[in-house]
Structure formats: C-alpha cells, structure tokens
PDB file of N, CA and C in Angstrom:
ATOM      1  N   MET A   1       0.836  -1.167   0.000  1.00  0.00           N
ATOM      2  CA  MET A   1       0.000   0.000   0.000  1.00  0.00           C
ATOM      3  C   MET A   1       0.890   1.242   0.000  1.00  0.00           C
ATOM      4  N   SER A   2       0.686   2.111  -0.929  1.00  0.00           N
ATOM      5  CA  SER A   2       1.509   3.306  -1.034  1.00  0.00           C
ATOM      6  C   SER A   2       0.847   4.466  -0.294  1.00  0.00           C
ATOM      7  N   THR A   3       1.698   5.365   0.179  1.00  0.00           N
ATOM      8  CA  THR A   3       1.155   6.528   0.883  1.00  0.00           C
ATOM      9  C   THR A   3       0.717   7.563  -0.140  1.00  0.00           C
ATOM     10  N   PRO A   4      -0.368   8.238   0.138  1.00  0.00           N
ATOM     11  CA  PRO A   4      -0.832   9.241  -0.825  1.00  0.00           C
ATOM     12  C   PRO A   4       0.143  10.424  -0.865  1.00  0.00           C
ATOM     13  N   GLU A   5       0.247  10.989  -2.035  1.00  0.00           N
ATOM     14  CA  GLU A   5       1.157  12.110  -2.213  1.00  0.00           C
ATOM     15  C   GLU A   5       0.565  13.357  -1.558  1.00  0.00           C
ATOM     16  N   ARG A   6       1.389  14.058  -0.797  1.00  0.00           N
ATOM     17  CA  ARG A   6       0.922  15.237  -0.077  1.00  0.00           C
ATOM     18  C   ARG A   6       0.807  16.412  -1.045  1.00  0.00           C
ATOM     19  N   ARG A   7      -0.282  17.139  -0.910  1.00  0.00           N
ATOM     20  CA  ARG A   7      -0.489  18.294  -1.776  1.00  0.00           C
ATOM     21  C   ARG A   7       0.489  19.398  -1.405  1.00  0.00           C
ATOM     22  N   ARG A   8       0.893  20.155  -2.385  1.00  0.00           N
ATOM     23  CA  ARG A   8       1.926  21.162  -2.162  1.00  0.00           C
ATOM     24  C   ARG A   8       1.460  22.321  -1.300  1.00  0.00           C
ATOM     25  N   HIS A   9       0.210  22.647  -1.322  1.00  0.00           N
ATOM     26  CA  HIS A   9      -0.252  23.797  -0.558  1.00  0.00           C
ATOM     27  C   HIS A   9      -0.423  23.492   0.925  1.00  0.00           C
ATOM     28  N   LEU A  10      -0.276  22.217   1.311  1.00  0.00           N
ATOM     29  CA  LEU A  10      -0.414  21.841   2.702  1.00  0.00           C
ATOM     30  C   LEU A  10       0.951  21.856   3.393  1.00  0.00           C
ATOM     31  N   ILE A  11       0.962  22.045   4.693  1.00  0.00           N
ATOM     32  CA  ILE A  11       2.203  22.057   5.463  1.00  0.00           C
ATOM     33  C   ILE A  11       2.684  20.625   5.643  1.00  0.00           C
ATOM     34  N   ASP A  12       3.980  20.415   5.442  1.00  0.00           N
ATOM     35  CA  ASP A  12       4.589  19.108   5.643  1.00  0.00           C
ATOM     36  C   ASP A  12       5.402  19.165   6.939  1.00  0.00           C
ATOM     37  N   PRO A  13       4.951  18.497   8.000  1.00  0.00           N
ATOM     38  CA  PRO A  13       5.693  18.571   9.273  1.00  0.00           C
ATOM     39  C   PRO A  13       7.072  17.919   9.184  1.00  0.00           C
ATOM     40  N   ALA A  14       7.281  17.025   8.244  1.00  0.00           N
ATOM     41  CA  ALA A  14       8.578  16.375   8.110  1.00  0.00           C
ATOM     42  C   ALA A  14       9.601  17.288   7.433  1.00  0.00           C
ATOM     43  N   ALA A  15       9.159  18.271   6.677  1.00  0.00           N
ATOM     44  CA  ALA A  15      10.063  19.182   5.979  1.00  0.00           C
ATOM     45  C   ALA A  15       9.524  20.601   6.102  1.00  0.00           C
ATOM     46  N   PRO A  16       9.782  21.256   7.236  1.00  0.00           N
ATOM     47  CA  PRO A  16       9.251  22.609   7.404  1.00  0.00           C
ATOM     48  C   PRO A  16       9.925  23.593   6.444  1.00  0.00           C
ATOM     49  N   ARG A  17       9.189  24.646   6.114  1.00  0.00           N
ATOM     50  CA  ARG A  17       9.735  25.671   5.219  1.00  0.00           C
ATOM     51  C   ARG A  17      10.834  26.438   5.923  1.00  0.00           C
ATOM     52  N   ARG A  18      11.817  26.834   5.139  1.00  0.00           N
ATOM     53  CA  ARG A  18      12.896  27.644   5.692  1.00  0.00           C
ATOM     54  C   ARG A  18      12.509  29.107   5.586  1.00  0.00           C
ATOM     55  N   THR A  19      12.857  29.861   6.592  1.00  0.00           N
ATOM     56  CA  THR A  19      12.530  31.281   6.582  1.00  0.00           C
ATOM     57  C   THR A  19      13.472  32.016   5.640  1.00  0.00           C
ATOM     58  N   ALA A  20      13.071  33.210   5.258  1.00  0.00           N
ATOM     59  CA  ALA A  20      13.897  34.005   4.348  1.00  0.00           C
ATOM     60  C   ALA A  20      15.229  34.363   4.985  1.00  0.00           C
ATOM     61  N   SER A  21      15.247  34.607   6.296  1.00  0.00           N
ATOM     62  CA  SER A  21      16.506  34.953   6.958  1.00  0.00           C
ATOM     63  C   SER A  21      17.458  33.753   6.983  1.00  0.00           C
ATOM     64  N   ALA A  22      16.929  32.536   7.113  1.00  0.00           N
ATOM     65  CA  ALA A  22      17.780  31.345   7.095  1.00  0.00           C
ATOM     66  C   ALA A  22      18.385  31.143   5.712  1.00  0.00           C
ATOM     67  N   VAL A  23      17.619  31.395   4.672  1.00  0.00           N
ATOM     68  CA  VAL A  23      18.130  31.270   3.307  1.00  0.00           C
ATOM     69  C   VAL A  23      19.186  32.337   3.050  1.00  0.00           C
ATOM     70  N   ALA A  24      18.949  33.567   3.517  1.00  0.00           N
ATOM     71  CA  ALA A  24      19.910  34.652   3.325  1.00  0.00           C
ATOM     72  C   ALA A  24      21.203  34.365   4.076  1.00  0.00           C
ATOM     73  N   ALA A  25      21.096  33.826   5.292  1.00  0.00           N
ATOM     74  CA  ALA A  25      22.293  33.502   6.064  1.00  0.00           C
ATOM     75  C   ALA A  25      23.107  32.416   5.377  1.00  0.00           C
ATOM     76  N   GLU A  26      22.425  31.442   4.784  1.00  0.00           N
ATOM     77  CA  GLU A  26      23.124  30.368   4.071  1.00  0.00           C
ATOM     78  C   GLU A  26      23.842  30.916   2.842  1.00  0.00           C
ATOM     79  N   ARG A  27      23.201  31.815   2.120  1.00  0.00           N
ATOM     80  CA  ARG A  27      23.842  32.428   0.954  1.00  0.00           C
ATOM     81  C   ARG A  27      25.053  33.246   1.365  1.00  0.00           C
ATOM     82  N   SER A  28      24.925  33.975   2.465  1.00  0.00           N
ATOM     83  CA  SER A  28      26.029  34.785   2.947  1.00  0.00           C
ATOM     84  C   SER A  28      27.213  33.906   3.342  1.00  0.00           C
ATOM     85  N   LEU A  29      26.952  32.796   4.024  1.00  0.00           N
ATOM     86  CA  LEU A  29      28.007  31.878   4.416  1.00  0.00           C
ATOM     87  C   LEU A  29      28.679  31.283   3.191  1.00  0.00           C
ATOM     88  N   THR A  30      27.910  30.924   2.190  1.00  0.00           N
ATOM     89  CA  THR A  30      28.472  30.379   0.961  1.00  0.00           C
ATOM     90  C   THR A  30      29.357  31.413   0.278  1.00  0.00           C
ATOM     91  N   ARG A  31      28.928  32.660   0.269  1.00  0.00           N
ATOM     92  CA  ARG A  31      29.725  33.723  -0.349  1.00  0.00           C
ATOM     93  C   ARG A  31      31.060  33.887   0.374  1.00  0.00           C
ATOM     94  N   VAL A  32      31.031  33.880   1.682  1.00  0.00           N
ATOM     95  CA  VAL A  32      32.270  34.022   2.456  1.00  0.00           C
ATOM     96  C   VAL A  32      33.177  32.826   2.220  1.00  0.00           C
ATOM     97  N   GLN A  33      32.608  31.634   2.181  1.00  0.00           N
ATOM     98  CA  GLN A  33      33.421  30.442   1.931  1.00  0.00           C
ATOM     99  C   GLN A  33      34.096  30.505   0.572  1.00  0.00           C
ATOM    100  N   ARG A  34      33.383  30.991  -0.430  1.00  0.00           N
ATOM    101  CA  ARG A  34      33.988  31.112  -1.765  1.00  0.00           C
ATOM    102  C   ARG A  34      35.133  32.114  -1.762  1.00  0.00           C
ATOM    103  N   TRP A  35      34.940  33.260  -1.100  1.00  0.00           N
ATOM    104  CA  TRP A  35      36.000  34.268  -1.067  1.00  0.00           C
ATOM    105  C   TRP A  35      37.224  33.757  -0.319  1.00  0.00           C
ATOM    106  N   VAL A  36      37.017  33.063   0.775  1.00  0.00           N
ATOM    107  CA  VAL A  36      38.154  32.524   1.532  1.00  0.00           C
ATOM    108  C   VAL A  36      38.882  31.471   0.711  1.00  0.00           C
ATOM    109  N   MET A  37      38.129  30.587   0.073  1.00  0.00           N
ATOM    110  CA  MET A  37      38.742  29.528  -0.729  1.00  0.00           C
ATOM    111  C   MET A  37      39.518  30.111  -1.912  1.00  0.00           C
ATOM    112  N   SER A  38      38.958  31.102  -2.590  1.00  0.00           N
ATOM    113  CA  SER A  38      39.665  31.684  -3.732  1.00  0.00           C
ATOM    114  C   SER A  38      40.883  32.476  -3.272  1.00  0.00           C
ATOM    115  N   ALA A  39      40.791  33.159  -2.130  1.00  0.00           N
ATOM    116  CA  ALA A  39      41.957  33.888  -1.618  1.00  0.00           C
ATOM    117  C   ALA A  39      43.090  32.927  -1.268  1.00  0.00           C
ATOM    118  N   LEU A  40      42.751  31.799  -0.653  1.00  0.00           N
ATOM    119  CA  LEU A  40      43.776  30.804  -0.331  1.00  0.00           C
ATOM    120  C   LEU A  40      44.400  30.216  -1.590  1.00  0.00           C
ATOM    121  N   ALA A  41      43.577  29.912  -2.571  1.00  0.00           N
ATOM    122  CA  ALA A  41      44.099  29.328  -3.810  1.00  0.00           C
ATOM    123  C   ALA A  41      45.015  30.312  -4.532  1.00  0.00           C
ATOM    124  N   VAL A  42      44.572  31.558  -4.649  1.00  0.00           N
ATOM    125  CA  VAL A  42      45.367  32.546  -5.388  1.00  0.00           C
ATOM    126  C   VAL A  42      46.676  32.853  -4.668  1.00  0.00           C
ATOM    127  N   THR A  43      46.647  33.028  -3.346  1.00  0.00           N
ATOM    128  CA  THR A  43      47.889  33.343  -2.644  1.00  0.00           C
ATOM    129  C   THR A  43      48.860  32.168  -2.655  1.00  0.00           C
ATOM    130  N   THR A  44      48.347  30.956  -2.564  1.00  0.00           N
ATOM    131  CA  THR A  44      49.237  29.788  -2.625  1.00  0.00           C
ATOM    132  C   THR A  44      49.908  29.688  -3.987  1.00  0.00           C
ATOM    133  N   ILE A  45      49.144  29.845  -5.039  1.00  0.00           N
ATOM    134  CA  ILE A  45      49.709  29.749  -6.384  1.00  0.00           C
ATOM    135  C   ILE A  45      50.604  30.949  -6.678  1.00  0.00           C
ATOM    136  N   ALA A  46      50.263  32.137  -6.138  1.00  0.00           N
ATOM    137  CA  ALA A  46      51.114  33.312  -6.335  1.00  0.00           C
ATOM    138  C   ALA A  46      52.468  33.132  -5.650  1.00  0.00           C
ATOM    139  N   HIS A  47      52.477  32.498  -4.484  1.00  0.00           N
ATOM    140  CA  HIS A  47      53.756  32.227  -3.824  1.00  0.00           C
ATOM    141  C   HIS A  47      54.604  31.258  -4.652  1.00  0.00           C
ATOM    142  N   PHE A  48      53.964  30.284  -5.243  1.00  0.00           N
ATOM    143  CA  PHE A  48      54.687  29.348  -6.111  1.00  0.00           C
ATOM    144  C   PHE A  48      55.278  30.085  -7.316  1.00  0.00           C
ATOM    145  N   ALA A  49      54.483  30.968  -7.927  1.00  0.00           N
ATOM    146  CA  ALA A  49      54.964  31.727  -9.083  1.00  0.00           C
ATOM    147  C   ALA A  49      56.106  32.655  -8.687  1.00  0.00           C
ATOM    148  N   ALA A  50      55.998  33.281  -7.523  1.00  0.00           N
ATOM    149  CA  ALA A  50      57.087  34.152  -7.056  1.00  0.00           C
ATOM    150  C   ALA A  50      58.356  33.341  -6.796  1.00  0.00           C
ATOM    151  N   GLY A  51      58.197  32.138  -6.298  1.00  0.00           N
ATOM    152  CA  GLY A  51      59.355  31.268  -6.096  1.00  0.00           C
ATOM    153  C   GLY A  51      60.031  30.901  -7.402  1.00  0.00           C
ATOM    154  N   LEU A  52      59.248  30.678  -8.435  1.00  0.00           N
ATOM    155  CA  LEU A  52      59.839  30.389  -9.743  1.00  0.00           C
ATOM    156  C   LEU A  52      60.595  31.597 -10.285  1.00  0.00           C
ATOM    157  N   VAL A  53      60.068  32.792 -10.078  1.00  0.00           N
ATOM    158  CA  VAL A  53      60.767  34.005 -10.525  1.00  0.00           C
ATOM    159  C   VAL A  53      62.069  34.181  -9.740  1.00  0.00           C
ATOM    160  N   LEU A  54      62.008  33.969  -8.431  1.00  0.00           N
ATOM    161  CA  LEU A  54      63.233  34.068  -7.629  1.00  0.00           C
ATOM    162  C   LEU A  54      64.263  33.023  -8.048  1.00  0.00           C
ATOM    163  N   ALA A  55      63.806  31.842  -8.378  1.00  0.00           N
ATOM    164  CA  ALA A  55      64.724  30.810  -8.857  1.00  0.00           C
ATOM    165  C   ALA A  55      65.368  31.241 -10.173  1.00  0.00           C
ATOM    166  N   ALA A  56      64.609  31.900 -11.029  1.00  0.00           N
ATOM    167  CA  ALA A  56      65.165  32.380 -12.297  1.00  0.00           C
ATOM    168  C   ALA A  56      66.194  33.479 -12.065  1.00  0.00           C
ATOM    169  N   VAL A  57      65.946  34.331 -11.090  1.00  0.00           N
ATOM    170  CA  VAL A  57      66.873  35.440 -10.829  1.00  0.00           C
ATOM    171  C   VAL A  57      68.176  34.931 -10.215  1.00  0.00           C
ATOM    172  N   PHE A  58      68.091  34.006  -9.276  1.00  0.00           N
ATOM    173  CA  PHE A  58      69.281  33.557  -8.558  1.00  0.00           C
ATOM    174  C   PHE A  58      69.863  32.252  -9.084  1.00  0.00           C
ATOM    175  N   LEU A  59      69.539  31.877 -10.284  1.00  0.00           N
ATOM    176  CA  LEU A  59      70.042  30.636 -10.866  1.00  0.00           C
ATOM    177  C   LEU A  59      71.531  30.784 -11.171  1.00  0.00           C
ATOM    178  N   ASP A  60      72.346  29.851 -10.672  1.00  0.00           N
ATOM    179  CA  ASP A  60      73.783  29.878 -10.917  1.00  0.00           C
ATOM    180  C   ASP A  60      74.101  29.155 -12.212  1.00  0.00           C
ATOM    181  N   ASP A  61      74.804  29.828 -13.087  1.00  0.00           N
ATOM    182  CA  ASP A  61      75.281  29.264 -14.357  1.00  0.00           C
ATOM    183  C   ASP A  61      74.182  28.497 -15.101  1.00  0.00           C
ATOM    184  N   PRO A  62      73.140  29.204 -15.532  1.00  0.00           N
ATOM    185  CA  PRO A  62      72.010  28.517 -16.180  1.00  0.00           C
ATOM    186  C   PRO A  62      72.323  28.121 -17.625  1.00  0.00           C
ATOM    187  N   ARG A  63      71.605  27.140 -18.094  1.00  0.00           N
ATOM    188  CA  ARG A  63      71.648  26.797 -19.514  1.00  0.00           C
ATOM    189  C   ARG A  63      70.911  27.874 -20.290  1.00  0.00           C
ATOM    190  N   PRO A  64      71.158  27.995 -21.587  1.00  0.00           N
ATOM    191  CA  PRO A  64      70.462  29.036 -22.358  1.00  0.00           C
ATOM    192  C   PRO A  64      68.945  28.850 -22.295  1.00  0.00           C
ATOM    193  N   GLY A  65      68.275  29.901 -21.967  1.00  0.00           N
ATOM    194  CA  GLY A  65      66.821  29.874 -21.927  1.00  0.00           C
ATOM    195  C   GLY A  65      66.218  29.369 -20.635  1.00  0.00           C
ATOM    196  N   ALA A  66      67.035  28.946 -19.676  1.00  0.00           N
ATOM    197  CA  ALA A  66      66.494  28.408 -18.426  1.00  0.00           C
ATOM    198  C   ALA A  66      65.783  29.490 -17.622  1.00  0.00           C
ATOM    199  N   ARG A  67      66.364  30.666 -17.577  1.00  0.00           N
ATOM    200  CA  ARG A  67      65.747  31.763 -16.823  1.00  0.00           C
ATOM    201  C   ARG A  67      64.428  32.189 -17.464  1.00  0.00           C
ATOM    202  N   VAL A  68      64.428  32.296 -18.771  1.00  0.00           N
ATOM    203  CA  VAL A  68      63.199  32.675 -19.480  1.00  0.00           C
ATOM    204  C   VAL A  68      62.142  31.589 -19.310  1.00  0.00           C
ATOM    205  N   GLY A  69      62.560  30.351 -19.363  1.00  0.00           N
ATOM    206  CA  GLY A  69      61.624  29.244 -19.172  1.00  0.00           C
ATOM    207  C   GLY A  69      60.979  29.254 -17.797  1.00  0.00           C
ATOM    208  N   LEU A  70      61.770  29.539 -16.767  1.00  0.00           N
ATOM    209  CA  LEU A  70      61.204  29.623 -15.421  1.00  0.00           C
ATOM    210  C   LEU A  70      60.220  30.783 -15.305  1.00  0.00           C
ATOM    211  N   CYS A  71      60.528  31.896 -15.964  1.00  0.00           N
ATOM    212  CA  CYS A  71      59.597  33.032 -15.942  1.00  0.00           C
ATOM    213  C   CYS A  71      58.301  32.699 -16.676  1.00  0.00           C
ATOM    214  N   LEU A  72      58.395  31.962 -17.761  1.00  0.00           N
ATOM    215  CA  LEU A  72      57.186  31.556 -18.476  1.00  0.00           C
ATOM    216  C   LEU A  72      56.351  30.579 -17.651  1.00  0.00           C
ATOM    217  N   LEU A  73      57.014  29.678 -16.941  1.00  0.00           N
ATOM    218  CA  LEU A  73      56.285  28.764 -16.045  1.00  0.00           C
ATOM    219  C   LEU A  73      55.607  29.531 -14.907  1.00  0.00           C
ATOM    220  N   ALA A  74      56.261  30.584 -14.419  1.00  0.00           N
ATOM    221  CA  ALA A  74      55.652  31.406 -13.372  1.00  0.00           C
ATOM    222  C   ALA A  74      54.391  32.075 -13.899  1.00  0.00           C
ATOM    223  N   GLY A  75      54.427  32.556 -15.136  1.00  0.00           N
ATOM    224  CA  GLY A  75      53.240  33.168 -15.724  1.00  0.00           C
ATOM    225  C   GLY A  75      52.123  32.164 -15.949  1.00  0.00           C
ATOM    226  N   ALA A  76      52.488  30.963 -16.367  1.00  0.00           N
ATOM    227  CA  ALA A  76      51.471  29.929 -16.569  1.00  0.00           C
ATOM    228  C   ALA A  76      50.799  29.569 -15.246  1.00  0.00           C
ATOM    229  N   SER A  77      51.588  29.470 -14.189  1.00  0.00           N
ATOM    230  CA  SER A  77      50.976  29.163 -12.892  1.00  0.00           C
ATOM    231  C   SER A  77      50.157  30.349 -12.393  1.00  0.00           C
ATOM    232  N   GLY A  78      50.572  31.580 -12.698  1.00  0.00           N
ATOM    233  CA  GLY A  78      49.769  32.750 -12.328  1.00  0.00           C
ATOM    234  C   GLY A  78      48.423  32.760 -13.027  1.00  0.00           C
ATOM    235  N   VAL A  79      48.418  32.412 -14.298  1.00  0.00           N
ATOM    236  CA  VAL A  79      47.159  32.335 -15.042  1.00  0.00           C
ATOM    237  C   VAL A  79      46.268  31.237 -14.456  1.00  0.00           C
ATOM    238  N   MET A  80      46.866  30.116 -14.049  1.00  0.00           N
ATOM    239  CA  MET A  80      46.072  29.058 -13.427  1.00  0.00           C
ATOM    240  C   MET A  80      45.501  29.508 -12.082  1.00  0.00           C
ATOM    241  N   GLY A  81      46.238  30.338 -11.351  1.00  0.00           N
ATOM    242  CA  GLY A  81      45.729  30.863 -10.087  1.00  0.00           C
ATOM    243  C   GLY A  81      44.509  31.746 -10.291  1.00  0.00           C
ATOM    244  N   VAL A  82      44.581  32.637 -11.270  1.00  0.00           N
ATOM    245  CA  VAL A  82      43.437  33.502 -11.563  1.00  0.00           C
ATOM    246  C   VAL A  82      42.271  32.662 -12.088  1.00  0.00           C
ATOM    247  N   ALA A  83      42.563  31.677 -12.917  1.00  0.00           N
ATOM    248  CA  ALA A  83      41.498  30.817 -13.442  1.00  0.00           C
ATOM    249  C   ALA A  83      40.838  30.013 -12.324  1.00  0.00           C
ATOM    250  N   SER A  84      41.620  29.593 -11.340  1.00  0.00           N
ATOM    251  CA  SER A  84      41.013  28.855 -10.223  1.00  0.00           C
ATOM    252  C   SER A  84      40.079  29.757  -9.422  1.00  0.00           C
ATOM    253  N   ALA A  85      40.458  31.021  -9.235  1.00  0.00           N
ATOM    254  CA  ALA A  85      39.569  31.948  -8.533  1.00  0.00           C
ATOM    255  C   ALA A  85      38.293  32.179  -9.333  1.00  0.00           C
ATOM    256  N   LEU A  86      38.417  32.316 -10.638  1.00  0.00           N
ATOM    257  CA  LEU A  86      37.229  32.492 -11.473  1.00  0.00           C
ATOM    258  C   LEU A  86      36.333  31.256 -11.405  1.00  0.00           C
ATOM    259  N   ALA A  87      36.933  30.078 -11.399  1.00  0.00           N
ATOM    260  CA  ALA A  87      36.147  28.846 -11.333  1.00  0.00           C
ATOM    261  C   ALA A  87      35.454  28.706  -9.981  1.00  0.00           C
ATOM    262  N   ILE A  88      36.124  29.093  -8.906  1.00  0.00           N
ATOM    263  CA  ILE A  88      35.514  29.003  -7.579  1.00  0.00           C
ATOM    264  C   ILE A  88      34.304  29.921  -7.491  1.00  0.00           C
ATOM    265  N   HIS A  89      34.395  31.089  -8.115  1.00  0.00           N
ATOM    266  CA  HIS A  89      33.272  32.034  -8.100  1.00  0.00           C
ATOM    267  C   HIS A  89      32.269  31.776  -9.225  1.00  0.00           C
ATOM    268  N   ARG A  90      32.470  30.700  -9.953  1.00  0.00           N
ATOM    269  CA  ARG A  90      31.579  30.280 -11.040  1.00  0.00           C
ATOM    270  C   ARG A  90      31.424  31.365 -12.099  1.00  0.00           C
ATOM    271  N   ARG A  91      32.557  31.948 -12.469  1.00  0.00           N
ATOM    272  CA  ARG A  91      32.595  32.950 -13.535  1.00  0.00           C
ATOM    273  C   ARG A  91      33.169  32.300 -14.782  1.00  0.00           C
ATOM    274  N   SER A  92      33.041  32.981 -15.894  1.00  0.00           N
ATOM    275  CA  SER A  92      33.598  32.475 -17.147  1.00  0.00           C
ATOM    276  C   SER A  92      35.124  32.468 -17.058  1.00  0.00           C
ATOM    277  N   LEU A  93      35.725  31.371 -17.521  1.00  0.00           N
ATOM    278  CA  LEU A  93      37.181  31.275 -17.466  1.00  0.00           C
ATOM    279  C   LEU A  93      37.858  32.155 -18.504  1.00  0.00           C
ATOM    280  N   LEU A  94      37.162  32.481 -19.579  1.00  0.00           N
ATOM    281  CA  LEU A  94      37.715  33.388 -20.576  1.00  0.00           C
ATOM    282  C   LEU A  94      37.365  34.807 -20.159  1.00  0.00           C
ATOM    283  N   SER A  95      38.309  35.463 -19.520  1.00  0.00           N
ATOM    284  CA  SER A  95      38.063  36.777 -18.945  1.00  0.00           C
ATOM    285  C   SER A  95      39.318  37.620 -19.077  1.00  0.00           C
ATOM    286  N   PRO A  96      39.171  38.933 -19.131  1.00  0.00           N
ATOM    287  CA  PRO A  96      40.355  39.801 -19.133  1.00  0.00           C
ATOM    288  C   PRO A  96      41.175  39.685 -17.843  1.00  0.00           C
ATOM    289  N   TRP A  97      40.575  39.154 -16.785  1.00  0.00           N
ATOM    290  CA  TRP A  97      41.306  38.973 -15.534  1.00  0.00           C
ATOM    291  C   TRP A  97      42.466  37.990 -15.687  1.00  0.00           C
ATOM    292  N   LEU A  98      42.424  37.147 -16.696  1.00  0.00           N
ATOM    293  CA  LEU A  98      43.520  36.191 -16.907  1.00  0.00           C
ATOM    294  C   LEU A  98      44.830  36.900 -17.210  1.00  0.00           C
ATOM    295  N   LEU A  99      44.752  38.107 -17.764  1.00  0.00           N
ATOM    296  CA  LEU A  99      45.974  38.869 -18.040  1.00  0.00           C
ATOM    297  C   LEU A  99      46.717  39.214 -16.753  1.00  0.00           C
ATOM    298  N   LEU A 100      45.994  39.317 -15.646  1.00  0.00           N
ATOM    299  CA  LEU A 100      46.623  39.574 -14.358  1.00  0.00           C
ATOM    300  C   LEU A 100      47.554  38.430 -13.972  1.00  0.00           C
ATOM    301  N   GLY A 101      47.250  37.227 -14.418  1.00  0.00           N
ATOM    302  CA  GLY A 101      48.094  36.074 -14.126  1.00  0.00           C
ATOM    303  C   GLY A 101      49.436  36.110 -14.824  1.00  0.00           C
ATOM    304  N   LEU A 102      49.580  36.961 -15.835  1.00  0.00           N
ATOM    305  CA  LEU A 102      50.858  37.075 -16.542  1.00  0.00           C
ATOM    306  C   LEU A 102      51.833  38.016 -15.847  1.00  0.00           C
ATOM    307  N   THR A 103      51.424  38.609 -14.749  1.00  0.00           N
ATOM    308  CA  THR A 103      52.291  39.535 -14.011  1.00  0.00           C
ATOM    309  C   THR A 103      53.617  38.898 -13.587  1.00  0.00           C
ATOM    310  N   PRO A 104      53.650  37.658 -13.079  1.00  0.00           N
ATOM    311  CA  PRO A 104      54.951  37.077 -12.730  1.00  0.00           C
ATOM    312  C   PRO A 104      55.890  36.953 -13.921  1.00  0.00           C
ATOM    313  N   THR A 105      55.373  36.682 -15.104  1.00  0.00           N
ATOM    314  CA  THR A 105      56.215  36.586 -16.283  1.00  0.00           C
ATOM    315  C   THR A 105      56.829  37.940 -16.615  1.00  0.00           C
ATOM    316  N   VAL A 106      55.995  38.984 -16.604  1.00  0.00           N
ATOM    317  CA  VAL A 106      56.481  40.325 -16.945  1.00  0.00           C
ATOM    318  C   VAL A 106      57.524  40.784 -15.946  1.00  0.00           C
ATOM    319  N   VAL A 107      57.251  40.613 -14.657  1.00  0.00           N
ATOM    320  CA  VAL A 107      58.207  41.030 -13.630  1.00  0.00           C
ATOM    321  C   VAL A 107      59.475  40.182 -13.707  1.00  0.00           C
ATOM    322  N   GLY A 108      59.335  38.893 -13.899  1.00  0.00           N
ATOM    323  CA  GLY A 108      60.497  38.013 -13.979  1.00  0.00           C
ATOM    324  C   GLY A 108      61.373  38.325 -15.168  1.00  0.00           C
ATOM    325  N   LEU A 109      60.761  38.538 -16.324  1.00  0.00           N
ATOM    326  CA  LEU A 109      61.571  38.877 -17.501  1.00  0.00           C
ATOM    327  C   LEU A 109      62.244  40.238 -17.332  1.00  0.00           C
ATOM    328  N   TRP A 110      61.567  41.172 -16.681  1.00  0.00           N
ATOM    329  CA  TRP A 110      62.171  42.473 -16.440  1.00  0.00           C
ATOM    330  C   TRP A 110      63.401  42.331 -15.511  1.00  0.00           C
ATOM    331  N   LEU A 111      63.299  41.454 -14.492  1.00  0.00           N
ATOM    332  CA  LEU A 111      64.420  41.256 -13.583  1.00  0.00           C
ATOM    333  C   LEU A 111      65.559  40.478 -14.231  1.00  0.00           C
ATOM    334  N   VAL A 112      65.215  39.505 -15.049  1.00  0.00           N
ATOM    335  CA  VAL A 112      66.244  38.633 -15.638  1.00  0.00           C
ATOM    336  C   VAL A 112      66.935  39.304 -16.817  1.00  0.00           C
ATOM    337  N   LEU A 113      66.153  39.910 -17.685  1.00  0.00           N
ATOM    338  CA  LEU A 113      66.729  40.464 -18.909  1.00  0.00           C
ATOM    339  C   LEU A 113      67.098  41.943 -18.785  1.00  0.00           C
ATOM    340  N   GLY A 114      66.492  42.627 -17.818  1.00  0.00           N
ATOM    341  CA  GLY A 114      66.694  44.082 -17.727  1.00  0.00           C
ATOM    342  C   GLY A 114      67.806  44.513 -16.884  1.00  0.00           C
TER     343      GLY A 114
END
C-alpha cells in the first residue's frame, strides 16, 4: 500500500519551510566560503609563481633559456591561479582577468633580462 502524495499547498511537518533569513544567512556563508577559498588558492599559487621568478633570478650558471623558461612557467601558474579563482566564483574562465596572471612573467623577464 503506497502513501498518498501530499499536496503542495499543505504544510509538511517532516520538511518545514525555511525562513527568508535562514536562506539569506546560508547564501552569505556560501559567499564568504567562496572568497576565503579563492583567496587561499590565489595566494598559494602566487607564492609558487614568485618562487619560480626568484629561482630564475638567482640561478647559478644557467643553460640558455632556463631563466626565461622559469619566468614563463611562473606566468602559466599565475594564469592558473586567476582561473582557479574564477572557477571558484563560477565565472567564465575566458576573462580579461587572466591577463593579471601574466604579471609574474612580466616582472620576472624584467628582472632577468633588464
């Protein structure tokens, strides 16, 4: 014997409605969690990119192109950091913000070649 389906306009004691303030608080918490997660991801990847630039600057007796290669890898990881933040915030990955990820490459090449 199956239980009859409960009509939608009736109150369901097993699943009470959530108030508007509870829904707003949940959205606010989700927003904060996204910002914290993206900040952690970007700063971690930015530290990695900065380490690659420092390695390029202080490399002893490098092979040809090693310094430039490390700077390019730093830029690639910077772009991945910005892309991870965009993905966490559910934004389009094709964005002008990706150019910000190339900052380690520009700074590294300026330090190495300039």
